[in-house]
Protein backbone atom coordinates (compact mmCIF):
# COMPACT_ATOMS: atom_id res chain seq x y z
CA MET A 1 -17.77 -140.61 -52.68
CA THR A 2 -18.03 -144.35 -52.17
CA THR A 3 -21.21 -146.42 -52.39
CA TYR A 4 -21.30 -149.28 -49.92
CA VAL A 5 -23.78 -152.17 -50.03
CA VAL A 6 -24.55 -154.09 -46.84
CA GLY A 7 -26.10 -157.52 -46.49
CA ASP A 8 -28.99 -158.46 -44.21
CA ILE A 9 -28.60 -156.65 -40.87
CA GLN A 10 -31.71 -157.98 -39.06
CA GLY A 11 -31.16 -155.78 -36.02
CA CYS A 12 -27.49 -156.74 -35.57
CA PHE A 13 -26.47 -153.13 -35.13
CA GLU A 14 -23.01 -153.59 -33.56
CA PRO A 15 -21.51 -155.67 -36.42
CA PHE A 16 -22.98 -153.11 -38.83
CA GLN A 17 -21.20 -150.32 -36.95
CA CYS A 18 -18.02 -152.42 -36.98
CA LEU A 19 -18.17 -152.46 -40.78
CA LEU A 20 -18.75 -148.73 -41.00
CA ARG A 21 -15.75 -148.08 -38.77
CA LYS A 22 -13.64 -150.45 -40.83
CA VAL A 23 -14.26 -148.48 -44.03
CA LYS A 24 -14.34 -145.08 -42.28
CA PHE A 25 -17.85 -144.41 -43.56
CA ASN A 26 -18.52 -140.66 -43.81
CA THR A 27 -22.13 -139.48 -44.05
CA ASP A 28 -20.96 -136.21 -45.61
CA ARG A 29 -19.38 -138.08 -48.47
CA ASP A 30 -20.44 -141.73 -48.72
CA VAL A 31 -23.67 -143.56 -49.57
CA ILE A 32 -25.00 -146.84 -48.22
CA TRP A 33 -27.32 -149.33 -49.87
CA SER A 34 -29.08 -152.14 -48.00
CA VAL A 35 -30.42 -155.37 -49.52
CA GLY A 36 -33.27 -155.29 -47.00
CA ASP A 37 -34.23 -157.11 -43.81
CA LEU A 38 -32.98 -154.27 -41.69
CA ILE A 39 -34.76 -155.73 -38.68
CA ASN A 40 -36.02 -158.81 -36.80
CA ARG A 41 -34.33 -161.49 -34.69
CA GLY A 42 -31.26 -159.43 -33.90
CA PRO A 43 -30.86 -157.49 -30.61
CA GLN A 44 -31.13 -153.85 -31.77
CA ASN A 45 -33.97 -153.47 -34.25
CA LEU A 46 -35.07 -149.97 -33.31
CA GLN A 47 -31.52 -148.64 -33.30
CA THR A 48 -30.89 -150.11 -36.76
CA LEU A 49 -34.07 -148.73 -38.28
CA LYS A 50 -33.51 -145.29 -36.74
CA TRP A 51 -29.94 -145.20 -38.06
CA PHE A 52 -31.17 -145.60 -41.64
CA TYR A 53 -34.08 -143.22 -41.17
CA ASP A 54 -31.84 -140.53 -39.68
CA ARG A 55 -29.44 -140.89 -42.63
CA ARG A 56 -32.11 -141.38 -45.29
CA ASP A 57 -30.50 -138.78 -47.56
CA ASN A 58 -27.42 -141.04 -47.77
CA ALA A 59 -29.20 -144.40 -47.67
CA THR A 60 -31.03 -146.55 -50.20
CA ILE A 61 -32.84 -149.66 -49.01
CA VAL A 62 -34.99 -152.25 -50.71
CA LEU A 63 -37.64 -153.96 -48.65
CA GLY A 64 -37.11 -157.52 -47.46
CA ASN A 65 -39.64 -160.02 -46.18
CA HIS A 66 -38.93 -159.12 -42.53
CA ASP A 67 -39.45 -155.42 -43.25
CA LEU A 68 -42.79 -156.18 -44.90
CA HIS A 69 -43.73 -158.39 -41.96
CA LEU A 70 -43.06 -155.55 -39.53
CA MET A 71 -45.33 -153.30 -41.59
CA ALA A 72 -48.09 -155.91 -41.63
CA VAL A 73 -47.88 -156.43 -37.86
CA SER A 74 -47.87 -152.68 -37.26
CA ALA A 75 -50.99 -152.35 -39.44
CA GLY A 76 -52.79 -155.03 -37.40
CA ALA A 77 -52.98 -157.48 -40.32
CA ARG A 78 -50.69 -160.06 -38.70
CA LYS A 79 -49.63 -161.12 -35.22
CA MET A 80 -46.01 -161.43 -34.20
CA SER A 81 -44.61 -164.96 -34.30
CA LYS A 82 -42.53 -166.51 -31.53
CA SER A 83 -39.32 -165.69 -33.41
CA ASP A 84 -40.17 -162.02 -33.97
CA ASN A 85 -38.56 -159.53 -31.58
CA PHE A 86 -39.26 -156.09 -32.99
CA ASP A 87 -41.32 -154.98 -29.98
CA ASP A 88 -38.82 -152.17 -29.49
CA ILE A 89 -40.00 -150.63 -32.77
CA LEU A 90 -43.70 -151.17 -32.07
CA ASP A 91 -43.33 -149.60 -28.61
CA ALA A 92 -41.22 -146.64 -29.78
CA PRO A 93 -42.62 -143.08 -29.71
CA GLU A 94 -41.41 -142.67 -33.29
CA ARG A 95 -43.07 -145.88 -34.48
CA GLU A 96 -45.48 -144.20 -36.91
CA THR A 97 -42.77 -142.07 -38.48
CA LEU A 98 -40.46 -145.04 -39.02
CA ILE A 99 -43.18 -147.35 -40.37
CA GLU A 100 -44.49 -144.65 -42.71
CA TRP A 101 -40.96 -144.21 -44.06
CA LEU A 102 -40.74 -147.96 -44.72
CA HIS A 103 -43.99 -147.79 -46.69
CA HIS A 104 -42.27 -145.48 -49.16
CA GLN A 105 -39.20 -147.65 -49.75
CA PRO A 106 -38.87 -149.67 -52.99
CA LEU A 107 -38.73 -153.40 -53.60
CA ILE A 108 -36.02 -152.93 -56.21
CA HIS A 109 -33.43 -150.26 -56.99
CA HIS A 110 -31.55 -149.82 -60.26
CA GLN A 111 -28.65 -147.37 -60.55
CA TYR A 112 -25.16 -147.28 -62.08
CA GLY A 113 -26.03 -150.39 -64.09
CA VAL A 114 -26.59 -152.34 -60.86
CA THR A 115 -29.86 -153.79 -59.58
CA LEU A 116 -30.45 -154.16 -55.85
CA VAL A 117 -33.17 -156.58 -54.69
CA HIS A 118 -33.75 -158.54 -51.51
CA ALA A 119 -34.25 -162.10 -52.80
CA GLY A 120 -33.82 -162.15 -56.56
CA ILE A 121 -35.36 -161.85 -60.03
CA PRO A 122 -37.09 -164.87 -61.59
CA PRO A 123 -35.53 -166.34 -64.76
CA MET A 124 -38.27 -165.16 -67.15
CA TRP A 125 -38.17 -161.47 -66.12
CA THR A 126 -35.86 -158.78 -67.40
CA ILE A 127 -34.67 -155.99 -65.11
CA ASN A 128 -37.32 -153.72 -66.60
CA ASP A 129 -39.99 -156.37 -65.99
CA ALA A 130 -38.95 -156.59 -62.35
CA ILE A 131 -38.95 -152.80 -61.91
CA LYS A 132 -42.42 -152.45 -63.47
CA ARG A 133 -43.92 -155.25 -61.38
CA ALA A 134 -42.26 -154.03 -58.19
CA SER A 135 -43.89 -150.65 -58.81
CA GLU A 136 -47.32 -152.30 -58.62
CA VAL A 137 -46.64 -153.49 -55.08
CA GLU A 138 -44.97 -150.22 -54.12
CA ALA A 139 -48.06 -148.27 -55.19
CA VAL A 140 -50.24 -150.41 -52.93
CA LEU A 141 -47.86 -150.04 -49.98
CA ARG A 142 -48.15 -146.26 -50.29
CA ALA A 143 -51.95 -146.28 -50.62
CA PRO A 144 -54.36 -145.67 -47.71
CA ASN A 145 -55.90 -149.15 -48.05
CA CYS A 146 -52.60 -151.06 -47.90
CA ILE A 147 -53.96 -153.20 -45.04
CA ALA A 148 -55.97 -155.10 -47.65
CA PHE A 149 -52.68 -156.13 -49.25
CA PHE A 150 -51.13 -157.14 -45.92
CA ASN A 151 -54.15 -159.35 -45.23
CA GLU A 152 -53.47 -161.22 -48.49
CA MET A 153 -49.67 -160.99 -48.68
CA TYR A 154 -48.87 -164.24 -46.86
CA GLY A 155 -48.97 -167.53 -48.74
CA ASN A 156 -47.12 -169.54 -51.38
CA ASP A 157 -49.73 -169.46 -54.14
CA PRO A 158 -49.58 -168.85 -57.01
CA ILE A 159 -46.22 -170.50 -57.47
CA VAL A 160 -45.54 -169.11 -60.93
CA TRP A 161 -45.99 -165.86 -62.80
CA CYS A 162 -48.64 -165.36 -65.45
CA ASP A 163 -49.29 -162.06 -67.26
CA ASP A 164 -53.03 -162.59 -66.75
CA LEU A 165 -52.83 -162.57 -62.94
CA THR A 166 -54.81 -159.80 -61.29
CA GLY A 167 -55.54 -158.40 -57.85
CA MET A 168 -53.92 -159.70 -54.70
CA THR A 169 -52.73 -162.98 -56.25
CA ARG A 170 -50.69 -160.97 -58.75
CA LEU A 171 -49.24 -158.77 -56.01
CA ARG A 172 -48.47 -161.79 -53.82
CA VAL A 173 -46.42 -163.64 -56.43
CA ILE A 174 -44.51 -160.45 -57.32
CA THR A 175 -43.71 -159.99 -53.62
CA ASN A 176 -42.69 -163.63 -53.23
CA TYR A 177 -40.29 -163.44 -56.18
CA LEU A 178 -38.62 -160.24 -55.01
CA THR A 179 -38.51 -160.89 -51.25
CA ARG A 180 -38.76 -164.66 -50.60
CA MET A 181 -37.41 -166.58 -53.61
CA ARG A 182 -34.43 -168.90 -53.39
CA TYR A 183 -35.12 -171.92 -55.60
CA CYS A 184 -37.30 -172.09 -58.69
CA THR A 185 -37.65 -173.99 -61.94
CA LYS A 186 -36.30 -172.59 -65.20
CA LYS A 187 -39.83 -171.32 -65.94
CA GLY A 188 -40.07 -169.61 -62.56
CA LYS A 189 -42.15 -172.05 -60.52
CA LEU A 190 -41.31 -171.22 -56.92
CA ASP A 191 -40.03 -173.65 -54.33
CA LEU A 192 -40.67 -171.69 -51.15
CA ILE A 193 -40.02 -174.73 -48.93
CA SER A 194 -36.29 -175.15 -49.51
CA LYS A 195 -34.02 -172.76 -47.61
CA GLY A 196 -30.70 -174.57 -47.35
CA SER A 197 -27.71 -174.78 -49.66
CA THR A 198 -29.40 -177.73 -51.43
CA PRO A 199 -33.11 -178.03 -52.21
CA THR A 200 -35.51 -180.21 -50.24
CA ALA A 201 -36.20 -183.44 -52.11
CA ASN A 202 -39.39 -183.39 -54.20
CA ALA A 203 -40.48 -180.00 -52.83
CA LEU A 204 -42.28 -179.30 -56.13
CA ALA A 205 -43.59 -182.80 -56.81
CA GLY A 206 -40.87 -183.93 -59.19
CA LYS A 207 -40.08 -180.57 -60.77
CA LYS A 208 -36.38 -179.79 -61.02
CA VAL A 209 -35.46 -176.66 -59.09
CA ALA A 210 -32.22 -174.72 -58.83
CA PRO A 211 -31.07 -171.41 -57.34
CA TRP A 212 -32.81 -168.64 -59.27
CA PHE A 213 -29.46 -167.16 -60.33
CA SER A 214 -28.11 -170.44 -61.74
CA HIS A 215 -30.57 -170.98 -64.59
CA GLU A 216 -28.67 -170.89 -67.86
CA ASN A 217 -31.26 -168.95 -69.85
CA ARG A 218 -32.42 -166.43 -67.25
CA LEU A 219 -32.97 -163.04 -68.81
CA THR A 220 -30.81 -161.16 -66.28
CA LYS A 221 -27.73 -163.31 -66.79
CA ALA A 222 -25.73 -160.39 -68.24
CA ASP A 223 -26.95 -157.91 -65.61
CA ARG A 224 -25.24 -157.10 -62.33
CA VAL A 225 -27.63 -158.04 -59.51
CA ILE A 226 -26.94 -157.71 -55.78
CA PHE A 227 -29.19 -159.54 -53.33
CA GLY A 228 -29.43 -160.86 -49.77
CA HIS A 229 -31.95 -163.17 -48.06
CA TRP A 230 -30.06 -166.46 -48.46
CA ALA A 231 -27.68 -166.96 -45.54
CA SER A 232 -27.10 -170.67 -46.13
CA ILE A 233 -25.15 -170.13 -49.37
CA ASP A 234 -22.71 -167.87 -47.47
CA GLY A 235 -22.32 -165.41 -50.33
CA MET A 236 -21.42 -168.04 -52.92
CA THR A 237 -23.13 -167.84 -56.34
CA ASN A 238 -20.36 -168.87 -58.77
CA SER A 239 -21.40 -165.88 -60.85
CA VAL A 240 -19.43 -162.69 -61.43
CA ASN A 241 -22.56 -160.63 -62.06
CA THR A 242 -24.75 -162.04 -59.29
CA ILE A 243 -23.57 -161.03 -55.82
CA ALA A 244 -25.01 -162.47 -52.60
CA LEU A 245 -24.41 -160.41 -49.46
CA ASP A 246 -26.36 -162.26 -46.76
CA THR A 247 -23.66 -164.13 -44.85
CA GLY A 248 -25.74 -165.06 -41.82
CA CYS A 249 -24.89 -162.45 -39.22
CA VAL A 250 -28.07 -163.02 -37.23
CA TRP A 251 -27.18 -166.72 -37.06
CA GLY A 252 -23.77 -165.96 -35.54
CA ASN A 253 -21.70 -165.97 -38.71
CA LYS A 254 -20.64 -162.59 -40.18
CA MET A 255 -21.95 -159.45 -41.84
CA THR A 256 -20.70 -158.37 -45.25
CA LEU A 257 -20.25 -154.90 -46.75
CA MET A 258 -19.22 -154.39 -50.36
CA GLU A 259 -17.68 -151.35 -52.01
CA LEU A 260 -19.84 -151.02 -55.10
CA GLU A 261 -17.24 -149.36 -57.29
CA SER A 262 -14.37 -151.77 -56.59
CA GLY A 263 -16.21 -154.92 -55.52
CA VAL A 264 -14.02 -155.18 -52.41
CA LEU A 265 -15.73 -157.06 -49.58
CA HIS A 266 -15.41 -156.26 -45.88
CA ARG A 267 -16.67 -158.51 -43.06
CA CYS A 268 -17.21 -158.30 -39.33
CA SER A 269 -17.95 -161.26 -37.07
CA CYS A 270 -21.30 -161.48 -35.33
C-alpha cells in the first residue's frame, strides 16, 4: 500500500487523473490524501468531488476555504461570486449527498506522525492544539444549525488567537488559521491581505509578518506538516518538515502528488 498526497485540485480533474496514471494508483491497494480545495475555478468540479466521494474508503481530505465556501453557498448563507463556477455541483441530482459528506470531513488530519491541513498551523499552537480547535469547528459543521456558522464565517477579525474567545469569533479565527492563513506575525497575528511570494507592504500597520512556517520559535517546527493553499510559493518552504503541495494547477502551472512514505514528488502540467 502507498499513501499519496495531492495538492489543491480545484476542479482540475484531468491533471489529477494524469498523476494517478503516472503512479499507477490502485484503489484496491493505495490511499489518497488531499490538502483540500477539491473544487472551484477549475473545469470539472462535480467530477472531482464525485471521484473522492465514490472512493471515500480510500480517501482522506481536509477542508479548504473553497470547500467551505461551497457548503455555505449550498446552505443559502452566501451567494456565488463572479469567480465561482461550481454550478455543476449545485445543479447535480446528488448535490445533497455530496454536500452532506463534505460536512463530515475534518479540518485537520494526523496520522503516521504527519499532519495534513489546508493552510497551516499558527506559530503558538502545537499539533494537539490545532486538532482540538479544529474539532470545535467540525462539531458545528456537523450540527443541524451550521447555517449560523456560515453566516458568521466570512471576515478577517479577530486577527489573533486568544484562549478567551467564544462563540462565532472563536470559530472564525480557528477557521482562518487552518484554511486561509499565509502570513502572520510570530505571535500569530494574521495578515489575510498578502497572497504573493512576498507580503504586501504595511498590511498589518507596521507589524512584521512572515510565512507561518518560517517563524523560528513556532511550536510545530519539529513536526511534519503537509499543506496546500499557497500557489505563489510554488511548493518552496526551505523546510524539510513543512511540505507545500499547492503548485498552482488552476492558474495553469502544475499539480503535485507526493508519495508519503518516500517523499517522492510527481507532477503533471495543467
